[in-house]
Amino acid sequence: MQLIADVLLAAGAFGAALYCFVLSRRLTRFATLETGMGGAIAVLSAQVDDLTRALAEAQAAAQESAAKLGALNSRAEAGAQKLELMLAALHDLPEPAAARPAPPPHAPPPHAPPPPREEVARMRLRRRRAQADAATADTGGTGGTGGTGGTGGTGEARQDAEHDA
């Protein structure tokens, strides 16, 4: 019986040694820096360091932008106060448009140069056509140019009148 116990004890020790050997190999492969989990951990550690530096730079840039924005905001508030003061001062001034009568809507400016000859001729032609159209409308005529020698008829006269308006 003692022999059986010794054989079982030796088998158990051999099994434990085999288990330790396999476990040692697995841990060695797990910890290798090139292919195993150690390499993945090393890469992740480097990425965490890079992200930490990038985060610090982003925070510095954000603080700088916040400072610039604060300065611009204070400048804008000062400008708004100046504008409010200018508007308040503007309301105290008299109205210049109320003292002067408004010019008629179709009157030429007081110092406008005379229209060119071609424009004067066109205006005379339009007036003649309009008079001829009015005369044919009063007499019930068929339209036409009214003897003015024009090429366009009443549509062109209306179009020219609308263009001038």
Protein backbone atom coordinates (compact mmCIF):
# COMPACT_ATOMS: atom_id res chain seq x y z
CA MET A 1 0.00 0.00 0.00
CA GLN A 2 2.86 2.24 0.66
CA LEU A 3 4.12 1.62 -2.82
CA ILE A 4 0.81 2.74 -4.30
CA ALA A 5 0.87 5.87 -2.18
CA ASP A 6 4.44 6.62 -3.32
CA VAL A 7 3.49 6.09 -6.97
CA LEU A 8 0.45 8.37 -6.61
CA LEU A 9 2.56 10.96 -4.80
CA ALA A 10 5.20 10.84 -7.57
CA ALA A 11 2.47 11.10 -10.24
CA GLY A 12 0.95 14.10 -8.45
CA ALA A 13 4.38 15.77 -8.18
CA PHE A 14 5.06 15.06 -11.85
CA GLY A 15 1.63 16.50 -12.80
CA ALA A 16 2.24 19.60 -10.69
CA ALA A 17 5.68 20.06 -12.30
CA LEU A 18 4.13 19.67 -15.75
CA TYR A 19 1.40 22.21 -14.88
CA CYS A 20 4.05 24.69 -13.59
CA PHE A 21 6.08 24.24 -16.77
CA VAL A 22 3.07 24.92 -19.03
CA LEU A 23 2.04 27.88 -16.89
CA SER A 24 5.57 29.29 -17.05
CA ARG A 25 5.59 29.07 -20.84
CA ARG A 26 2.20 30.77 -21.09
CA LEU A 27 3.31 33.59 -18.80
CA THR A 28 6.50 34.04 -20.82
CA ARG A 29 4.52 34.33 -24.06
CA PHE A 30 2.04 36.65 -22.34
CA ALA A 31 4.76 39.01 -21.14
CA THR A 32 6.86 39.23 -24.31
CA LEU A 33 7.08 42.83 -25.52
CA GLU A 34 6.96 42.11 -29.23
CA THR A 35 4.01 39.76 -29.72
CA GLY A 36 2.22 39.19 -26.46
CA MET A 37 0.14 41.16 -24.08
CA GLY A 38 3.21 43.03 -22.86
CA GLY A 39 3.59 44.60 -26.28
CA ALA A 40 -0.05 45.65 -26.30
CA ILE A 41 0.36 47.12 -22.82
CA ALA A 42 3.50 49.00 -23.91
CA VAL A 43 1.71 50.42 -26.98
CA LEU A 44 -1.31 51.46 -24.92
CA SER A 45 0.97 53.10 -22.36
CA ALA A 46 2.68 55.13 -25.11
CA GLN A 47 -0.71 56.17 -26.50
CA VAL A 48 -1.88 57.27 -23.06
CA ASP A 49 1.24 59.43 -22.73
CA ASP A 50 0.62 60.98 -26.16
CA LEU A 51 -3.02 61.68 -25.34
CA THR A 52 -2.05 63.22 -22.02
CA ARG A 53 0.31 65.63 -23.81
CA ALA A 54 -2.34 66.44 -26.44
CA LEU A 55 -4.91 67.08 -23.72
CA ALA A 56 -2.54 69.44 -21.91
CA GLU A 57 -1.92 71.35 -25.18
CA ALA A 58 -5.66 71.56 -25.88
CA GLN A 59 -6.31 72.89 -22.38
CA ALA A 60 -3.61 75.53 -22.82
CA ALA A 61 -5.07 76.57 -26.18
CA ALA A 62 -8.56 76.72 -24.70
CA GLN A 63 -7.38 78.92 -21.85
CA GLU A 64 -5.60 81.22 -24.31
CA SER A 65 -8.72 81.43 -26.49
CA ALA A 66 -10.86 82.15 -23.44
CA ALA A 67 -8.54 85.00 -22.46
CA LYS A 68 -8.66 86.47 -25.99
CA LEU A 69 -12.43 86.10 -26.10
CA GLY A 70 -12.74 87.88 -22.75
CA ALA A 71 -10.62 90.76 -24.03
CA LEU A 72 -12.68 91.01 -27.23
CA ASN A 73 -15.89 90.87 -25.21
CA SER A 74 -14.77 93.77 -23.01
CA ARG A 75 -13.80 95.77 -26.13
CA ALA A 76 -17.22 95.06 -27.65
CA GLU A 77 -18.98 96.19 -24.48
CA ALA A 78 -16.97 99.41 -24.45
CA GLY A 79 -17.84 99.99 -28.11
CA ALA A 80 -21.52 99.35 -27.40
CA GLN A 81 -21.44 101.92 -24.61
CA LYS A 82 -19.86 104.47 -26.96
CA LEU A 83 -22.52 103.74 -29.59
CA GLU A 84 -25.27 104.20 -27.02
CA LEU A 85 -23.81 107.57 -26.05
CA MET A 86 -23.58 108.60 -29.71
CA LEU A 87 -27.18 107.58 -30.33
CA ALA A 88 -28.32 109.50 -27.28
CA ALA A 89 -26.45 112.56 -28.53
CA LEU A 90 -27.94 112.09 -32.00
CA HIS A 91 -31.48 112.20 -30.61
CA ASP A 92 -30.74 115.61 -29.15
CA LEU A 93 -29.98 117.13 -32.60
CA PRO A 94 -32.77 118.91 -34.55
CA GLU A 95 -34.28 117.15 -37.56
CA PRO A 96 -32.79 118.70 -40.74
CA ALA A 97 -35.30 117.07 -43.11
CA ALA A 98 -38.28 118.75 -41.43
CA ALA A 99 -36.88 122.26 -42.09
CA ARG A 100 -36.48 121.70 -45.86
CA PRO A 101 -39.34 120.78 -48.22
CA ALA A 102 -38.82 117.58 -50.14
CA PRO A 103 -38.18 117.95 -53.89
CA PRO A 104 -40.85 116.63 -56.24
CA PRO A 105 -40.31 112.93 -57.04
CA HIS A 106 -39.76 113.35 -60.81
CA ALA A 107 -37.99 116.70 -60.83
CA PRO A 108 -34.37 116.70 -61.99
CA PRO A 109 -31.74 117.67 -59.46
CA PRO A 110 -31.15 121.43 -59.30
CA HIS A 111 -27.64 121.28 -60.81
CA ALA A 112 -28.11 118.41 -63.25
CA PRO A 113 -26.51 118.78 -66.68
CA PRO A 114 -28.92 119.04 -69.62
CA PRO A 115 -29.81 115.71 -71.23
CA PRO A 116 -27.93 114.76 -74.41
CA ARG A 117 -29.48 115.43 -77.83
CA GLU A 118 -30.33 111.77 -78.42
CA GLU A 119 -32.29 111.67 -75.17
CA VAL A 120 -34.24 114.81 -76.07
CA ALA A 121 -35.11 113.33 -79.47
CA ARG A 122 -36.26 110.07 -77.84
CA MET A 123 -38.46 111.97 -75.38
CA ARG A 124 -40.10 113.96 -78.23
CA LEU A 125 -40.75 110.74 -80.15
CA ARG A 126 -42.33 109.13 -77.10
CA ARG A 127 -44.58 112.15 -76.54
CA ARG A 128 -45.71 112.13 -80.19
CA ARG A 129 -46.44 108.40 -80.06
CA ALA A 130 -48.37 108.78 -76.82
CA GLN A 131 -50.42 111.62 -78.34
CA ALA A 132 -51.08 109.60 -81.48
CA ASP A 133 -52.13 106.57 -79.42
CA ALA A 134 -54.46 108.73 -77.37
CA ALA A 135 -55.95 110.22 -80.55
CA THR A 136 -56.54 106.79 -82.12
CA ALA A 137 -58.05 105.48 -78.92
CA ASP A 138 -60.46 108.45 -78.80
CA THR A 139 -61.52 108.02 -82.44
CA GLY A 140 -61.73 104.23 -82.22
CA GLY A 141 -58.90 103.67 -84.67
CA THR A 142 -57.06 100.45 -85.20
CA GLY A 143 -53.85 101.62 -83.57
CA GLY A 144 -50.59 101.90 -85.42
CA THR A 145 -47.97 104.54 -85.28
CA GLY A 146 -50.21 107.54 -85.87
CA GLY A 147 -48.16 108.86 -88.77
CA THR A 148 -45.01 109.46 -86.77
CA GLY A 149 -42.94 107.14 -88.87
CA GLY A 150 -41.90 104.95 -85.94
CA THR A 151 -41.26 101.25 -86.19
CA GLY A 152 -42.47 100.01 -82.84
CA GLY A 153 -46.08 101.11 -82.42
CA THR A 154 -47.79 101.51 -79.06
CA GLY A 155 -46.00 98.68 -77.26
CA GLU A 156 -42.62 100.30 -77.70
CA ALA A 157 -43.92 103.68 -76.49
CA ARG A 158 -45.31 102.08 -73.35
CA GLN A 159 -42.10 100.16 -72.85
CA ASP A 160 -40.04 103.35 -73.19
CA ALA A 161 -42.37 105.19 -70.80
CA GLU A 162 -42.02 102.39 -68.24
CA HIS A 163 -38.24 102.45 -68.71
CA ASP A 164 -38.14 106.20 -67.92
CA ALA A 165 -40.37 105.88 -64.84
